[in-house]
PDB file of N, CA and C in Angstrom:
ATOM      1  N   MET A   1     -15.892-145.107 -40.025  1.00  0.00           N
ATOM      2  CA  MET A   1     -16.256-145.870 -38.907  1.00  0.00           C
ATOM      3  C   MET A   1     -16.926-144.769 -37.804  1.00  0.00           C
ATOM      4  N   ILE A   2     -18.085-145.087 -37.158  1.00  0.00           N
ATOM      5  CA  ILE A   2     -18.685-144.472 -36.219  1.00  0.00           C
ATOM      6  C   ILE A   2     -18.509-145.167 -34.752  1.00  0.00           C
ATOM      7  N   PHE A   3     -18.093-144.232 -33.751  1.00  0.00           N
ATOM      8  CA  PHE A   3     -18.030-144.884 -32.471  1.00  0.00           C
ATOM      9  C   PHE A   3     -19.163-144.095 -31.691  1.00  0.00           C
ATOM     10  N   PRO A   4     -20.262-144.652 -31.515  1.00  0.00           N
ATOM     11  CA  PRO A   4     -21.390-144.336 -30.416  1.00  0.00           C
ATOM     12  C   PRO A   4     -20.880-143.930 -29.209  1.00  0.00           C
ATOM     13  N   ASN A   5     -21.279-142.646 -28.684  1.00  0.00           N
ATOM     14  CA  ASN A   5     -21.021-142.096 -27.217  1.00  0.00           C
ATOM     15  C   ASN A   5     -21.442-143.396 -26.337  1.00  0.00           C
ATOM     16  N   LYS A   6     -22.587-143.961 -26.548  1.00  0.00           N
ATOM     17  CA  LYS A   6     -23.015-144.801 -25.227  1.00  0.00           C
ATOM     18  C   LYS A   6     -21.921-146.186 -25.335  1.00  0.00           C
ATOM     19  N   ASP A   7     -21.139-146.389 -26.142  1.00  0.00           N
ATOM     20  CA  ASP A   7     -20.126-147.389 -26.244  1.00  0.00           C
ATOM     21  C   ASP A   7     -18.794-146.947 -25.425  1.00  0.00           C
ATOM     22  N   ALA A   8     -18.707-145.800 -25.303  1.00  0.00           N
ATOM     23  CA  ALA A   8     -17.402-145.325 -24.340  1.00  0.00           C
ATOM     24  C   ALA A   8     -17.648-145.539 -22.908  1.00  0.00           C
ATOM     25  N   ARG A   9     -16.795-146.738 -22.511  1.00  0.00           N
ATOM     26  CA  ARG A   9     -17.076-147.004 -21.023  1.00  0.00           C
ATOM     27  C   ARG A   9     -16.322-146.037 -20.121  1.00  0.00           C
ATOM     28  N   PRO A  10     -16.899-145.745 -19.148  1.00  0.00           N
ATOM     29  CA  PRO A  10     -16.119-144.894 -17.964  1.00  0.00           C
ATOM     30  C   PRO A  10     -15.182-145.781 -17.369  1.00  0.00           C
ATOM     31  N   ILE A  11     -14.081-145.073 -17.313  1.00  0.00           N
ATOM     32  CA  ILE A  11     -12.864-145.727 -16.081  1.00  0.00           C
ATOM     33  C   ILE A  11     -12.644-144.778 -15.161  1.00  0.00           C
ATOM     34  N   TYR A  12     -12.714-145.124 -13.984  1.00  0.00           N
ATOM     35  CA  TYR A  12     -12.407-144.153 -12.675  1.00  0.00           C
ATOM     36  C   TYR A  12     -11.047-144.301 -12.671  1.00  0.00           C
ATOM     37  N   VAL A  13     -10.187-143.258 -12.962  1.00  0.00           N
ATOM     38  CA  VAL A  13      -8.849-143.060 -13.116  1.00  0.00           C
ATOM     39  C   VAL A  13      -8.354-142.909 -11.639  1.00  0.00           C
ATOM     40  N   LEU A  14      -8.833-141.885 -11.170  1.00  0.00           N
ATOM     41  CA  LEU A  14      -8.469-141.469  -9.552  1.00  0.00           C
ATOM     42  C   LEU A  14      -9.855-140.911  -8.982  1.00  0.00           C
ATOM     43  N   PRO A  15     -10.054-140.805  -7.467  1.00  0.00           N
ATOM     44  CA  PRO A  15     -11.238-140.166  -7.038  1.00  0.00           C
ATOM     45  C   PRO A  15     -11.276-138.913  -7.715  1.00  0.00           C
ATOM     46  N   GLY A  16     -12.519-138.612  -8.183  1.00  0.00           N
ATOM     47  CA  GLY A  16     -13.135-137.640  -8.862  1.00  0.00           C
ATOM     48  C   GLY A  16     -12.560-137.291 -10.343  1.00  0.00           C
ATOM     49  N   VAL A  17     -12.163-138.352 -11.020  1.00  0.00           N
ATOM     50  CA  VAL A  17     -11.754-138.265 -12.436  1.00  0.00           C
ATOM     51  C   VAL A  17     -12.344-139.683 -13.179  1.00  0.00           C
ATOM     52  N   ILE A  18     -12.949-139.393 -14.092  1.00  0.00           N
ATOM     53  CA  ILE A  18     -13.563-140.282 -15.145  1.00  0.00           C
ATOM     54  C   ILE A  18     -12.946-140.117 -16.520  1.00  0.00           C
ATOM     55  N   ARG A  19     -12.206-140.992 -17.003  1.00  0.00           N
ATOM     56  CA  ARG A  19     -11.869-141.011 -18.529  1.00  0.00           C
ATOM     57  C   ARG A  19     -12.722-141.845 -19.583  1.00  0.00           C
ATOM     58  N   ARG A  20     -13.032-141.530 -20.592  1.00  0.00           N
ATOM     59  CA  ARG A  20     -13.921-142.191 -21.664  1.00  0.00           C
ATOM     60  C   ARG A  20     -13.189-141.989 -22.858  1.00  0.00           C
ATOM     61  N   THR A  21     -12.694-143.140 -23.312  1.00  0.00           N
ATOM     62  CA  THR A  21     -12.062-143.254 -24.843  1.00  0.00           C
ATOM     63  C   THR A  21     -13.011-142.989 -25.909  1.00  0.00           C
ATOM     64  N   LEU A  22     -13.238-141.916 -26.511  1.00  0.00           N
ATOM     65  CA  LEU A  22     -14.395-141.653 -27.433  1.00  0.00           C
ATOM     66  C   LEU A  22     -14.001-142.465 -28.698  1.00  0.00           C
ATOM     67  N   VAL A  23     -12.770-142.397 -29.289  1.00  0.00           N
ATOM     68  CA  VAL A  23     -12.763-142.920 -30.637  1.00  0.00           C
ATOM     69  C   VAL A  23     -11.072-142.989 -30.619  1.00  0.00           C
ATOM     70  N   GLU A  24     -10.723-143.998 -31.537  1.00  0.00           N
ATOM     71  CA  GLU A  24      -8.990-144.299 -31.829  1.00  0.00           C
ATOM     72  C   GLU A  24      -9.106-144.635 -33.155  1.00  0.00           C
ATOM     73  N   GLY A  25      -7.960-144.191 -33.754  1.00  0.00           N
ATOM     74  CA  GLY A  25      -7.424-144.481 -35.077  1.00  0.00           C
ATOM     75  C   GLY A  25      -6.159-145.137 -34.892  1.00  0.00           C
ATOM     76  N   GLN A  26      -5.586-145.131 -36.221  1.00  0.00           N
ATOM     77  CA  GLN A  26      -4.141-145.932 -36.336  1.00  0.00           C
ATOM     78  C   GLN A  26      -3.058-144.758 -35.641  1.00  0.00           C
ATOM     79  N   SER A  27      -3.169-143.484 -35.663  1.00  0.00           N
ATOM     80  CA  SER A  27      -2.187-142.763 -35.195  1.00  0.00           C
ATOM     81  C   SER A  27      -2.740-141.616 -34.265  1.00  0.00           C
ATOM     82  N   MET A  28      -4.024-141.651 -33.825  1.00  0.00           N
ATOM     83  CA  MET A  28      -4.477-140.747 -32.774  1.00  0.00           C
ATOM     84  C   MET A  28      -5.650-141.381 -31.976  1.00  0.00           C
ATOM     85  N   MET A  29      -5.749-140.787 -30.908  1.00  0.00           N
ATOM     86  CA  MET A  29      -7.221-141.112 -30.290  1.00  0.00           C
ATOM     87  C   MET A  29      -7.656-139.783 -29.405  1.00  0.00           C
ATOM     88  N   ILE A  30      -8.937-140.105 -29.239  1.00  0.00           N
ATOM     89  CA  ILE A  30      -9.803-138.938 -28.510  1.00  0.00           C
ATOM     90  C   ILE A  30     -10.259-139.489 -27.090  1.00  0.00           C
ATOM     91  N   CYS A  31     -10.020-138.869 -25.912  1.00  0.00           N
ATOM     92  CA  CYS A  31     -10.552-139.099 -24.627  1.00  0.00           C
ATOM     93  C   CYS A  31     -11.054-137.927 -24.016  1.00  0.00           C
ATOM     94  N   GLU A  32     -12.264-138.327 -23.396  1.00  0.00           N
ATOM     95  CA  GLU A  32     -12.993-137.208 -22.531  1.00  0.00           C
ATOM     96  C   GLU A  32     -12.626-137.524 -21.003  1.00  0.00           C
ATOM     97  N   PHE A  33     -12.380-136.518 -20.520  1.00  0.00           N
ATOM     98  CA  PHE A  33     -12.060-136.483 -18.931  1.00  0.00           C
ATOM     99  C   PHE A  33     -12.846-135.683 -18.205  1.00  0.00           C
ATOM    100  N   ARG A  34     -13.774-136.262 -17.256  1.00  0.00           N
ATOM    101  CA  ARG A  34     -14.474-135.581 -16.288  1.00  0.00           C
ATOM    102  C   ARG A  34     -13.798-135.461 -15.110  1.00  0.00           C
ATOM    103  N   PHE A  35     -13.953-133.993 -14.561  1.00  0.00           N
ATOM    104  CA  PHE A  35     -13.151-133.855 -13.134  1.00  0.00           C
ATOM    105  C   PHE A  35     -14.122-133.268 -12.127  1.00  0.00           C
ATOM    106  N   ASP A  36     -13.949-133.611 -10.982  1.00  0.00           N
ATOM    107  CA  ASP A  36     -14.665-132.981  -9.968  1.00  0.00           C
ATOM    108  C   ASP A  36     -13.921-131.767  -9.642  1.00  0.00           C
ATOM    109  N   ALA A  37     -14.523-130.762  -8.982  1.00  0.00           N
ATOM    110  CA  ALA A  37     -13.536-129.864  -8.322  1.00  0.00           C
ATOM    111  C   ALA A  37     -12.485-130.019  -7.595  1.00  0.00           C
ATOM    112  N   HIS A  38     -11.247-129.371  -7.566  1.00  0.00           N
ATOM    113  CA  HIS A  38     -10.151-129.617  -6.577  1.00  0.00           C
ATOM    114  C   HIS A  38      -9.527-130.951  -6.693  1.00  0.00           C
ATOM    115  N   VAL A  39      -9.343-131.313  -7.999  1.00  0.00           N
ATOM    116  CA  VAL A  39      -8.582-132.484  -8.296  1.00  0.00           C
ATOM    117  C   VAL A  39      -7.365-132.254  -8.617  1.00  0.00           C
ATOM    118  N   THR A  40      -6.317-132.995  -8.588  1.00  0.00           N
ATOM    119  CA  THR A  40      -4.986-132.664  -8.863  1.00  0.00           C
ATOM    120  C   THR A  40      -4.466-133.714  -9.770  1.00  0.00           C
ATOM    121  N   ILE A  41      -4.166-133.512 -10.969  1.00  0.00           N
ATOM    122  CA  ILE A  41      -3.352-134.627 -12.026  1.00  0.00           C
ATOM    123  C   ILE A  41      -1.937-134.211 -11.590  1.00  0.00           C
ATOM    124  N   PRO A  42      -1.089-135.041 -11.091  1.00  0.00           N
ATOM    125  CA  PRO A  42       0.145-134.534 -10.631  1.00  0.00           C
ATOM    126  C   PRO A  42       1.066-134.460 -12.153  1.00  0.00           C
ATOM    127  N   ILE A  43       2.187-133.707 -11.783  1.00  0.00           N
ATOM    128  CA  ILE A  43       3.164-133.448 -13.157  1.00  0.00           C
ATOM    129  C   ILE A  43       3.449-134.998 -13.643  1.00  0.00           C
ATOM    130  N   HIS A  44       3.341-135.034 -14.878  1.00  0.00           N
ATOM    131  CA  HIS A  44       3.852-136.293 -15.387  1.00  0.00           C
ATOM    132  C   HIS A  44       4.261-136.052 -16.966  1.00  0.00           C
ATOM    133  N   SER A  45       4.785-136.891 -17.602  1.00  0.00           N
ATOM    134  CA  SER A  45       4.885-136.753 -18.907  1.00  0.00           C
ATOM    135  C   SER A  45       4.867-138.220 -19.726  1.00  0.00           C
ATOM    136  N   HIS A  46       4.731-138.039 -21.033  1.00  0.00           N
ATOM    137  CA  HIS A  46       4.615-139.232 -21.889  1.00  0.00           C
ATOM    138  C   HIS A  46       5.214-139.023 -23.332  1.00  0.00           C
ATOM    139  N   PRO A  47       5.434-139.925 -23.840  1.00  0.00           N
ATOM    140  CA  PRO A  47       5.927-139.737 -25.384  1.00  0.00           C
ATOM    141  C   PRO A  47       4.677-139.453 -26.392  1.00  0.00           C
ATOM    142  N   HIS A  48       3.451-139.292 -25.864  1.00  0.00           N
ATOM    143  CA  HIS A  48       2.373-138.694 -26.860  1.00  0.00           C
ATOM    144  C   HIS A  48       2.377-137.439 -26.886  1.00  0.00           C
ATOM    145  N   GLU A  49       2.188-136.749 -28.095  1.00  0.00           N
ATOM    146  CA  GLU A  49       1.756-135.346 -28.231  1.00  0.00           C
ATOM    147  C   GLU A  49       0.358-135.255 -27.621  1.00  0.00           C
ATOM    148  N   GLN A  50       0.016-134.083 -27.028  1.00  0.00           N
ATOM    149  CA  GLN A  50      -1.480-134.133 -26.352  1.00  0.00           C
ATOM    150  C   GLN A  50      -1.793-132.728 -26.843  1.00  0.00           C
ATOM    151  N   VAL A  51      -3.063-132.581 -27.426  1.00  0.00           N
ATOM    152  CA  VAL A  51      -3.686-131.389 -27.483  1.00  0.00           C
ATOM    153  C   VAL A  51      -5.130-131.527 -26.728  1.00  0.00           C
ATOM    154  N   GLY A  52      -5.621-130.503 -26.226  1.00  0.00           N
ATOM    155  CA  GLY A  52      -6.828-130.624 -25.522  1.00  0.00           C
ATOM    156  C   GLY A  52      -7.556-129.377 -25.716  1.00  0.00           C
ATOM    157  N   TYR A  53      -8.870-129.622 -25.354  1.00  0.00           N
ATOM    158  CA  TYR A  53      -9.919-128.473 -25.325  1.00  0.00           C
ATOM    159  C   TYR A  53     -10.783-128.534 -23.929  1.00  0.00           C
ATOM    160  N   LEU A  54     -10.957-127.515 -23.321  1.00  0.00           N
ATOM    161  CA  LEU A  54     -11.785-127.201 -22.155  1.00  0.00           C
ATOM    162  C   LEU A  54     -13.058-127.181 -22.248  1.00  0.00           C
ATOM    163  N   VAL A  55     -13.909-128.227 -22.441  1.00  0.00           N
ATOM    164  CA  VAL A  55     -15.364-128.087 -22.711  1.00  0.00           C
ATOM    165  C   VAL A  55     -16.139-127.338 -21.633  1.00  0.00           C
ATOM    166  N   GLU A  56     -16.005-127.439 -20.593  1.00  0.00           N
ATOM    167  CA  GLU A  56     -16.703-126.898 -19.280  1.00  0.00           C
ATOM    168  C   GLU A  56     -15.773-126.717 -18.085  1.00  0.00           C
ATOM    169  N   GLY A  57     -15.904-125.712 -17.410  1.00  0.00           N
ATOM    170  CA  GLY A  57     -15.029-125.526 -16.262  1.00  0.00           C
ATOM    171  C   GLY A  57     -13.976-124.574 -16.238  1.00  0.00           C
ATOM    172  N   HIS A  58     -12.864-124.661 -15.221  1.00  0.00           N
ATOM    173  CA  HIS A  58     -12.012-123.849 -14.988  1.00  0.00           C
ATOM    174  C   HIS A  58     -10.910-124.519 -14.301  1.00  0.00           C
ATOM    175  N   VAL A  59      -9.748-124.474 -15.101  1.00  0.00           N
ATOM    176  CA  VAL A  59      -8.639-125.388 -14.551  1.00  0.00           C
ATOM    177  C   VAL A  59      -7.292-124.706 -14.574  1.00  0.00           C
ATOM    178  N   GLU A  60      -6.340-124.857 -13.716  1.00  0.00           N
ATOM    179  CA  GLU A  60      -5.000-124.463 -13.940  1.00  0.00           C
ATOM    180  C   GLU A  60      -4.166-125.487 -14.305  1.00  0.00           C
ATOM    181  N   MET A  61      -3.461-125.311 -15.417  1.00  0.00           N
ATOM    182  CA  MET A  61      -2.458-126.302 -16.049  1.00  0.00           C
ATOM    183  C   MET A  61      -0.955-125.889 -15.734  1.00  0.00           C
ATOM    184  N   ASN A  62      -0.142-126.753 -15.464  1.00  0.00           N
ATOM    185  CA  ASN A  62       1.161-126.669 -15.468  1.00  0.00           C
ATOM    186  C   ASN A  62       1.870-127.452 -16.608  1.00  0.00           C
ATOM    187  N   ILE A  63       2.395-126.667 -17.612  1.00  0.00           N
ATOM    188  CA  ILE A  63       3.038-127.096 -18.582  1.00  0.00           C
ATOM    189  C   ILE A  63       4.424-126.958 -18.610  1.00  0.00           C
ATOM    190  N   ASP A  64       5.552-127.558 -18.452  1.00  0.00           N
ATOM    191  CA  ASP A  64       6.837-127.302 -18.356  1.00  0.00           C
ATOM    192  C   ASP A  64       7.253-126.429 -17.465  1.00  0.00           C
ATOM    193  N   GLY A  65       6.707-126.331 -16.294  1.00  0.00           N
ATOM    194  CA  GLY A  65       6.887-125.621 -15.285  1.00  0.00           C
ATOM    195  C   GLY A  65       6.270-124.152 -15.249  1.00  0.00           C
ATOM    196  N   LYS A  66       5.443-124.139 -16.172  1.00  0.00           N
ATOM    197  CA  LYS A  66       4.693-122.659 -16.568  1.00  0.00           C
ATOM    198  C   LYS A  66       3.224-122.796 -16.203  1.00  0.00           C
ATOM    199  N   LYS A  67       2.824-121.885 -15.399  1.00  0.00           N
ATOM    200  CA  LYS A  67       1.301-122.194 -14.917  1.00  0.00           C
ATOM    201  C   LYS A  67       0.272-121.454 -16.037  1.00  0.00           C
ATOM    202  N   TYR A  68      -0.821-122.000 -16.373  1.00  0.00           N
ATOM    203  CA  TYR A  68      -1.832-121.202 -16.998  1.00  0.00           C
ATOM    204  C   TYR A  68      -3.235-121.342 -16.504  1.00  0.00           C
ATOM    205  N   GLU A  69      -4.149-120.487 -16.576  1.00  0.00           N
ATOM    206  CA  GLU A  69      -5.430-120.835 -16.248  1.00  0.00           C
ATOM    207  C   GLU A  69      -6.248-120.673 -17.454  1.00  0.00           C
ATOM    208  N   LEU A  70      -7.048-121.756 -17.416  1.00  0.00           N
ATOM    209  CA  LEU A  70      -7.906-122.050 -18.841  1.00  0.00           C
ATOM    210  C   LEU A  70      -9.434-121.933 -18.364  1.00  0.00           C
ATOM    211  N   VAL A  71     -10.165-121.529 -19.154  1.00  0.00           N
ATOM    212  CA  VAL A  71     -11.783-121.482 -18.902  1.00  0.00           C
ATOM    213  C   VAL A  71     -12.360-122.145 -20.004  1.00  0.00           C
ATOM    214  N   LYS A  72     -13.599-122.356 -19.839  1.00  0.00           N
ATOM    215  CA  LYS A  72     -14.373-123.056 -20.960  1.00  0.00           C
ATOM    216  C   LYS A  72     -14.151-122.192 -22.400  1.00  0.00           C
ATOM    217  N   GLY A  73     -13.842-123.204 -23.152  1.00  0.00           N
ATOM    218  CA  GLY A  73     -13.582-122.899 -24.632  1.00  0.00           C
ATOM    219  C   GLY A  73     -12.006-122.792 -25.009  1.00  0.00           C
ATOM    220  N   ASP A  74     -11.325-122.769 -23.891  1.00  0.00           N
ATOM    221  CA  ASP A  74      -9.660-122.431 -24.212  1.00  0.00           C
ATOM    222  C   ASP A  74      -9.241-123.903 -24.601  1.00  0.00           C
ATOM    223  N   SER A  75      -8.049-123.807 -25.367  1.00  0.00           N
ATOM    224  CA  SER A  75      -7.337-125.040 -25.720  1.00  0.00           C
ATOM    225  C   SER A  75      -5.769-125.050 -25.366  1.00  0.00           C
ATOM    226  N   TYR A  76      -5.141-126.224 -25.569  1.00  0.00           N
ATOM    227  CA  TYR A  76      -3.817-126.110 -25.085  1.00  0.00           C
ATOM    228  C   TYR A  76      -3.185-127.647 -25.743  1.00  0.00           C
ATOM    229  N   SER A  77      -1.707-127.437 -25.884  1.00  0.00           N
ATOM    230  CA  SER A  77      -0.928-128.299 -26.829  1.00  0.00           C
ATOM    231  C   SER A  77       0.126-128.645 -25.938  1.00  0.00           C
ATOM    232  N   THR A  78       0.502-129.899 -25.782  1.00  0.00           N
ATOM    233  CA  THR A  78       1.756-130.390 -24.993  1.00  0.00           C
ATOM    234  C   THR A  78       2.512-131.240 -25.853  1.00  0.00           C
ATOM    235  N   ALA A  79       3.708-130.884 -26.127  1.00  0.00           N
ATOM    236  CA  ALA A  79       4.630-131.516 -26.861  1.00  0.00           C
ATOM    237  C   ALA A  79       4.928-133.010 -26.292  1.00  0.00           C
ATOM    238  N   SER A  80       5.614-133.909 -26.994  1.00  0.00           N
ATOM    239  CA  SER A  80       5.939-135.309 -26.612  1.00  0.00           C
ATOM    240  C   SER A  80       7.067-134.931 -25.327  1.00  0.00           C
ATOM    241  N   ASN A  81       6.692-135.898 -24.258  1.00  0.00           N
ATOM    242  CA  ASN A  81       7.964-135.785 -23.221  1.00  0.00           C
ATOM    243  C   ASN A  81       7.801-134.498 -22.325  1.00  0.00           C
ATOM    244  N   VAL A  82       6.913-133.730 -22.519  1.00  0.00           N
ATOM    245  CA  VAL A  82       6.899-132.332 -21.791  1.00  0.00           C
ATOM    246  C   VAL A  82       6.278-132.482 -20.410  1.00  0.00           C
ATOM    247  N   PRO A  83       6.731-132.246 -19.365  1.00  0.00           N
ATOM    248  CA  PRO A  83       5.982-132.208 -18.020  1.00  0.00           C
ATOM    249  C   PRO A  83       4.924-131.501 -17.836  1.00  0.00           C
ATOM    250  N   HIS A  84       3.728-132.082 -17.711  1.00  0.00           N
ATOM    251  CA  HIS A  84       2.291-131.284 -17.467  1.00  0.00           C
ATOM    252  C   HIS A  84       1.609-131.811 -16.360  1.00  0.00           C
ATOM    253  N   GLY A  85       0.836-130.920 -15.742  1.00  0.00           N
ATOM    254  CA  GLY A  85      -0.394-131.630 -14.874  1.00  0.00           C
ATOM    255  C   GLY A  85      -1.509-130.548 -14.848  1.00  0.00           C
ATOM    256  N   VAL A  86      -2.561-130.894 -14.128  1.00  0.00           N
ATOM    257  CA  VAL A  86      -3.741-129.899 -13.815  1.00  0.00           C
ATOM    258  C   VAL A  86      -4.249-130.143 -12.500  1.00  0.00           C
ATOM    259  N   TYR A  87      -4.837-128.845 -12.222  1.00  0.00           N
ATOM    260  CA  TYR A  87      -5.448-128.663 -10.981  1.00  0.00           C
ATOM    261  C   TYR A  87      -6.981-128.062 -11.338  1.00  0.00           C
ATOM    262  N   THR A  88      -7.953-128.902 -10.841  1.00  0.00           N
ATOM    263  CA  THR A  88      -9.382-128.294 -11.457  1.00  0.00           C
ATOM    264  C   THR A  88      -9.683-127.171 -10.331  1.00  0.00           C
ATOM    265  N   LEU A  89     -10.201-125.948 -10.724  1.00  0.00           N
ATOM    266  CA  LEU A  89     -10.752-124.997  -9.851  1.00  0.00           C
ATOM    267  C   LEU A  89     -12.261-125.138  -9.518  1.00  0.00           C
ATOM    268  N   GLU A  90     -12.773-125.874 -10.556  1.00  0.00           N
ATOM    269  CA  GLU A  90     -14.293-126.217 -10.295  1.00  0.00           C
ATOM    270  C   GLU A  90     -14.531-127.597 -11.435  1.00  0.00           C
ATOM    271  N   PRO A  91     -15.751-128.087 -11.204  1.00  0.00           N
ATOM    272  CA  PRO A  91     -16.042-129.256 -11.976  1.00  0.00           C
ATOM    273  C   PRO A  91     -15.633-128.883 -13.692  1.00  0.00           C
ATOM    274  N   SER A  92     -15.004-129.871 -14.215  1.00  0.00           N
ATOM    275  CA  SER A  92     -14.563-129.620 -15.416  1.00  0.00           C
ATOM    276  C   SER A  92     -14.423-130.811 -16.398  1.00  0.00           C
ATOM    277  N   VAL A  93     -14.877-130.519 -17.844  1.00  0.00           N
ATOM    278  CA  VAL A  93     -14.667-131.452 -18.740  1.00  0.00           C
ATOM    279  C   VAL A  93     -13.532-131.349 -19.688  1.00  0.00           C
ATOM    280  N   ILE A  94     -12.551-132.176 -19.949  1.00  0.00           N
ATOM    281  CA  ILE A  94     -11.566-131.849 -21.006  1.00  0.00           C
ATOM    282  C   ILE A  94     -11.629-132.989 -22.071  1.00  0.00           C
ATOM    283  N   VAL A  95     -11.479-132.602 -23.295  1.00  0.00           N
ATOM    284  CA  VAL A  95     -11.211-133.456 -24.190  1.00  0.00           C
ATOM    285  C   VAL A  95      -9.953-133.525 -24.913  1.00  0.00           C
ATOM    286  N   ASP A  96      -9.137-134.478 -24.763  1.00  0.00           N
ATOM    287  CA  ASP A  96      -7.896-134.660 -24.915  1.00  0.00           C
ATOM    288  C   ASP A  96      -7.695-135.601 -26.263  1.00  0.00           C
ATOM    289  N   THR A  97      -6.626-135.275 -27.336  1.00  0.00           N
ATOM    290  CA  THR A  97      -6.333-135.937 -28.269  1.00  0.00           C
ATOM    291  C   THR A  97      -4.885-136.426 -28.159  1.00  0.00           C
ATOM    292  N   PHE A  98      -4.579-137.646 -28.367  1.00  0.00           N
ATOM    293  CA  PHE A  98      -3.239-138.167 -28.080  1.00  0.00           C
ATOM    294  C   PHE A  98      -2.667-138.842 -29.502  1.00  0.00           C
ATOM    295  N   CYS A  99      -1.411-138.385 -29.829  1.00  0.00           N
ATOM    296  CA  CYS A  99      -0.890-139.014 -31.147  1.00  0.00           C
ATOM    297  C   CYS A  99       0.743-139.295 -30.499  1.00  0.00           C
ATOM    298  N   PRO A 100       0.826-140.597 -30.622  1.00  0.00           N
ATOM    299  CA  PRO A 100       0.052-141.750 -31.392  1.00  0.00           C
ATOM    300  C   PRO A 100      -0.918-142.115 -29.880  1.00  0.00           C
ATOM    301  N   PRO A 101      -1.745-142.983 -30.317  1.00  0.00           N
ATOM    302  CA  PRO A 101      -2.790-143.555 -29.279  1.00  0.00           C
ATOM    303  C   PRO A 101      -1.838-144.155 -28.098  1.00  0.00           C
ATOM    304  N   ARG A 102      -2.390-143.715 -26.792  1.00  0.00           N
ATOM    305  CA  ARG A 102      -2.171-144.345 -25.589  1.00  0.00           C
ATOM    306  C   ARG A 102      -2.430-145.881 -25.569  1.00  0.00           C
ATOM    307  N   GLU A 103      -1.474-146.899 -25.454  1.00  0.00           N
ATOM    308  CA  GLU A 103      -1.847-148.032 -25.182  1.00  0.00           C
ATOM    309  C   GLU A 103      -2.735-148.198 -23.766  1.00  0.00           C
ATOM    310  N   ASP A 104      -2.106-147.558 -22.832  1.00  0.00           N
ATOM    311  CA  ASP A 104      -2.830-147.905 -21.533  1.00  0.00           C
ATOM    312  C   ASP A 104      -4.245-147.071 -21.397  1.00  0.00           C
ATOM    313  N   TYR A 105      -4.676-146.474 -22.336  1.00  0.00           N
ATOM    314  CA  TYR A 105      -6.208-146.018 -22.388  1.00  0.00           C
ATOM    315  C   TYR A 105      -7.008-146.847 -23.247  1.00  0.00           C
ATOM    316  N   ARG A 106      -6.567-147.964 -23.978  1.00  0.00           N
ATOM    317  CA  ARG A 106      -7.451-148.663 -24.879  1.00  0.00           C
ATOM    318  C   ARG A 106      -8.185-149.716 -23.951  1.00  0.00           C
TER     319      ARG A 106
END
């Protein structure tokens, strides 16, 4: 099945954050997040495993209390129920995969 990019509608999550669900299957989904600079996604957790790729930008991630600085091309993984958050040091684009799919992102 094909999911045209033009069909992925933007959702304005927070000021400076746009999410688009690019594709979803039975057991996973892929979302694109576009961030302005200096945006904070507060520490949170969820039952979904999450892996991500920083397409553009520069961010600071907090995963389970440990801080990491990521630049364009870096990837990360967050296990189910592990606290994590992000702060964008410059405008950034992240592509995240969630398993299982997030009902709240459909």
